[in-house]
Amino acid sequence: MTTADRVKSVVAAVLKVPEQSLTPQSSPDEIQAWDSMRHLQIILGLEEEFGVQFAADEIDGLQTINALCAWLDEHRA
């Protein structure tokens, strides 16, 4: 399973949307359920899924599936 597949799985579960509806460009701007509280739930879910920890100052900048995947690919060992 790729990073993108795993990220989509977490995001879909938190937002309660079908995984296939998510694209690399999916963001809070186009998904109504993706509000600030759900964004934090996505971050927590990704931390658990990937065994990483996001810095507080990075979280707001990670607003698309693609940005989340890029961060994870860069910061995982």
N, C-alpha and C. Protein backbone atom coordinates (compact mmCIF):
# COMPACT_ATOMS: atom_id res chain seq x y z
N MET A 1 0.85 -1.18 0.00
CA MET A 1 0.00 0.00 0.00
C MET A 1 0.89 1.24 0.00
N THR A 2 0.62 2.18 -0.88
CA THR A 2 1.44 3.38 -1.01
C THR A 2 1.10 4.39 0.09
N THR A 3 1.96 5.38 0.23
CA THR A 3 1.69 6.46 1.17
C THR A 3 0.35 7.11 0.84
N ALA A 4 0.12 7.39 -0.44
CA ALA A 4 -1.12 8.06 -0.85
C ALA A 4 -2.34 7.21 -0.49
N ASP A 5 -2.25 5.90 -0.69
CA ASP A 5 -3.37 5.01 -0.35
C ASP A 5 -3.65 5.05 1.15
N ARG A 6 -2.61 5.02 1.94
CA ARG A 6 -2.76 5.04 3.40
C ARG A 6 -3.33 6.38 3.87
N VAL A 7 -2.84 7.48 3.29
CA VAL A 7 -3.34 8.81 3.65
C VAL A 7 -4.82 8.92 3.28
N LYS A 8 -5.18 8.49 2.07
CA LYS A 8 -6.58 8.55 1.64
C LYS A 8 -7.46 7.72 2.56
N SER A 9 -6.97 6.59 3.00
CA SER A 9 -7.74 5.73 3.90
C SER A 9 -8.04 6.45 5.21
N VAL A 10 -7.03 7.09 5.79
CA VAL A 10 -7.22 7.83 7.04
C VAL A 10 -8.16 9.01 6.83
N VAL A 11 -7.92 9.78 5.78
CA VAL A 11 -8.75 10.97 5.52
C VAL A 11 -10.20 10.55 5.27
N ALA A 12 -10.40 9.51 4.47
CA ALA A 12 -11.76 9.05 4.16
C ALA A 12 -12.47 8.60 5.44
N ALA A 13 -11.76 7.90 6.30
CA ALA A 13 -12.37 7.43 7.55
C ALA A 13 -12.78 8.59 8.45
N VAL A 14 -11.91 9.58 8.57
CA VAL A 14 -12.20 10.74 9.43
C VAL A 14 -13.35 11.57 8.86
N LEU A 15 -13.32 11.79 7.55
CA LEU A 15 -14.33 12.64 6.92
C LEU A 15 -15.61 11.89 6.56
N LYS A 16 -15.56 10.55 6.66
CA LYS A 16 -16.70 9.71 6.29
C LYS A 16 -17.12 9.94 4.84
N VAL A 17 -16.11 9.88 3.95
CA VAL A 17 -16.34 9.98 2.50
C VAL A 17 -15.68 8.77 1.84
N PRO A 18 -16.12 8.41 0.63
CA PRO A 18 -15.47 7.29 -0.07
C PRO A 18 -14.03 7.64 -0.45
N GLU A 19 -13.13 6.67 -0.27
CA GLU A 19 -11.72 6.91 -0.64
C GLU A 19 -11.59 7.34 -2.08
N GLN A 20 -12.37 6.73 -2.98
CA GLN A 20 -12.25 7.04 -4.40
C GLN A 20 -12.68 8.46 -4.74
N SER A 21 -13.34 9.14 -3.80
CA SER A 21 -13.72 10.54 -4.04
C SER A 21 -12.56 11.50 -3.76
N LEU A 22 -11.50 11.00 -3.16
CA LEU A 22 -10.35 11.84 -2.81
C LEU A 22 -9.30 11.83 -3.90
N THR A 23 -8.74 13.01 -4.17
CA THR A 23 -7.67 13.16 -5.16
C THR A 23 -6.47 13.79 -4.46
N PRO A 24 -5.31 13.83 -5.13
CA PRO A 24 -4.16 14.50 -4.52
C PRO A 24 -4.44 15.96 -4.17
N GLN A 25 -5.35 16.59 -4.88
CA GLN A 25 -5.66 18.00 -4.64
C GLN A 25 -6.80 18.21 -3.64
N SER A 26 -7.40 17.13 -3.14
CA SER A 26 -8.50 17.28 -2.18
C SER A 26 -8.04 18.11 -0.99
N SER A 27 -8.92 19.03 -0.56
CA SER A 27 -8.57 19.97 0.51
C SER A 27 -9.83 20.42 1.23
N PRO A 28 -9.66 21.15 2.33
CA PRO A 28 -10.84 21.69 3.03
C PRO A 28 -11.66 22.63 2.16
N ASP A 29 -11.05 23.23 1.14
CA ASP A 29 -11.78 24.14 0.27
C ASP A 29 -12.87 23.44 -0.54
N GLU A 30 -12.68 22.16 -0.82
CA GLU A 30 -13.65 21.44 -1.66
C GLU A 30 -14.44 20.36 -0.91
N ILE A 31 -14.04 20.04 0.30
CA ILE A 31 -14.75 19.02 1.07
C ILE A 31 -15.32 19.68 2.32
N GLN A 32 -16.62 19.84 2.32
CA GLN A 32 -17.30 20.58 3.40
C GLN A 32 -17.02 19.98 4.78
N ALA A 33 -16.94 18.66 4.86
CA ALA A 33 -16.73 18.01 6.16
C ALA A 33 -15.33 18.25 6.72
N TRP A 34 -14.40 18.72 5.89
CA TRP A 34 -13.00 18.92 6.30
C TRP A 34 -12.86 20.29 6.96
N ASP A 35 -13.29 20.36 8.22
CA ASP A 35 -13.16 21.61 8.97
C ASP A 35 -11.93 21.53 9.87
N SER A 36 -11.70 22.54 10.69
CA SER A 36 -10.48 22.59 11.49
C SER A 36 -10.40 21.45 12.50
N MET A 37 -11.53 21.07 13.08
CA MET A 37 -11.52 19.96 14.04
C MET A 37 -11.21 18.64 13.34
N ARG A 38 -11.80 18.43 12.20
CA ARG A 38 -11.53 17.20 11.45
C ARG A 38 -10.10 17.19 10.93
N HIS A 39 -9.56 18.35 10.62
CA HIS A 39 -8.16 18.42 10.18
C HIS A 39 -7.24 17.89 11.29
N LEU A 40 -7.51 18.30 12.51
CA LEU A 40 -6.72 17.79 13.63
C LEU A 40 -6.90 16.29 13.81
N GLN A 41 -8.11 15.79 13.59
CA GLN A 41 -8.34 14.35 13.67
C GLN A 41 -7.58 13.61 12.57
N ILE A 42 -7.51 14.21 11.38
CA ILE A 42 -6.72 13.62 10.29
C ILE A 42 -5.25 13.55 10.70
N ILE A 43 -4.73 14.63 11.24
CA ILE A 43 -3.33 14.68 11.67
C ILE A 43 -3.07 13.60 12.72
N LEU A 44 -3.94 13.49 13.71
CA LEU A 44 -3.77 12.47 14.74
C LEU A 44 -3.83 11.07 14.15
N GLY A 45 -4.73 10.86 13.22
CA GLY A 45 -4.84 9.56 12.56
C GLY A 45 -3.60 9.21 11.77
N LEU A 46 -3.03 10.20 11.10
CA LEU A 46 -1.80 9.98 10.32
C LEU A 46 -0.62 9.73 11.24
N GLU A 47 -0.57 10.44 12.37
CA GLU A 47 0.51 10.19 13.33
C GLU A 47 0.47 8.75 13.81
N GLU A 48 -0.72 8.26 14.07
CA GLU A 48 -0.86 6.87 14.53
C GLU A 48 -0.54 5.88 13.40
N GLU A 49 -1.06 6.14 12.22
CA GLU A 49 -0.85 5.24 11.08
C GLU A 49 0.62 5.12 10.68
N PHE A 50 1.33 6.26 10.71
CA PHE A 50 2.71 6.29 10.20
C PHE A 50 3.77 6.34 11.30
N GLY A 51 3.37 6.48 12.56
CA GLY A 51 4.35 6.54 13.63
C GLY A 51 5.22 7.78 13.58
N VAL A 52 4.61 8.91 13.22
CA VAL A 52 5.34 10.19 13.12
C VAL A 52 4.68 11.20 14.05
N GLN A 53 5.32 12.36 14.17
CA GLN A 53 4.74 13.46 14.95
C GLN A 53 4.90 14.75 14.14
N PHE A 54 3.78 15.39 13.87
CA PHE A 54 3.79 16.67 13.16
C PHE A 54 4.09 17.78 14.16
N ALA A 55 4.89 18.75 13.76
CA ALA A 55 5.12 19.94 14.59
C ALA A 55 3.89 20.84 14.47
N ALA A 56 3.53 21.48 15.57
CA ALA A 56 2.33 22.32 15.59
C ALA A 56 2.33 23.38 14.50
N ASP A 57 3.51 23.95 14.21
CA ASP A 57 3.58 25.01 13.20
C ASP A 57 3.49 24.49 11.77
N GLU A 58 3.53 23.18 11.57
CA GLU A 58 3.43 22.60 10.22
C GLU A 58 2.00 22.24 9.85
N ILE A 59 1.17 22.00 10.84
CA ILE A 59 -0.14 21.41 10.61
C ILE A 59 -1.02 22.26 9.69
N ASP A 60 -1.07 23.56 9.89
CA ASP A 60 -1.93 24.43 9.07
C ASP A 60 -1.52 24.44 7.61
N GLY A 61 -0.25 24.23 7.32
CA GLY A 61 0.22 24.27 5.94
C GLY A 61 -0.04 23.00 5.16
N LEU A 62 -0.49 21.96 5.82
CA LEU A 62 -0.71 20.67 5.17
C LEU A 62 -2.19 20.50 4.88
N GLN A 63 -2.65 21.19 3.84
CA GLN A 63 -4.09 21.30 3.57
C GLN A 63 -4.57 20.50 2.36
N THR A 64 -3.71 19.66 1.78
CA THR A 64 -4.15 18.79 0.68
C THR A 64 -3.61 17.38 0.92
N ILE A 65 -4.22 16.42 0.26
CA ILE A 65 -3.74 15.04 0.33
C ILE A 65 -2.29 15.01 -0.14
N ASN A 66 -2.00 15.71 -1.22
CA ASN A 66 -0.65 15.74 -1.79
C ASN A 66 0.36 16.31 -0.79
N ALA A 67 0.01 17.39 -0.11
CA ALA A 67 0.92 18.00 0.87
C ALA A 67 1.17 17.06 2.04
N LEU A 68 0.13 16.37 2.48
CA LEU A 68 0.29 15.40 3.57
C LEU A 68 1.21 14.26 3.16
N CYS A 69 1.01 13.74 1.94
CA CYS A 69 1.86 12.66 1.43
C CYS A 69 3.31 13.10 1.30
N ALA A 70 3.54 14.29 0.78
CA ALA A 70 4.90 14.80 0.60
C ALA A 70 5.59 14.94 1.95
N TRP A 71 4.88 15.48 2.94
CA TRP A 71 5.47 15.62 4.28
C TRP A 71 5.84 14.25 4.84
N LEU A 72 4.93 13.30 4.72
CA LEU A 72 5.17 11.96 5.26
C LEU A 72 6.34 11.28 4.56
N ASP A 73 6.41 11.41 3.24
CA ASP A 73 7.54 10.80 2.50
C ASP A 73 8.86 11.42 2.92
N GLU A 74 8.85 12.70 3.21
CA GLU A 74 10.08 13.40 3.59
C GLU A 74 10.51 13.09 5.03
N HIS A 75 9.56 12.87 5.93
CA HIS A 75 9.89 12.76 7.35
C HIS A 75 9.91 11.34 7.91
N ARG A 76 9.54 10.37 7.10
CA ARG A 76 9.61 9.00 7.58
C ARG A 76 10.98 8.41 7.31
N ALA A 77 11.41 7.57 8.23
CA ALA A 77 12.73 6.95 8.07
C ALA A 77 12.67 5.84 7.04
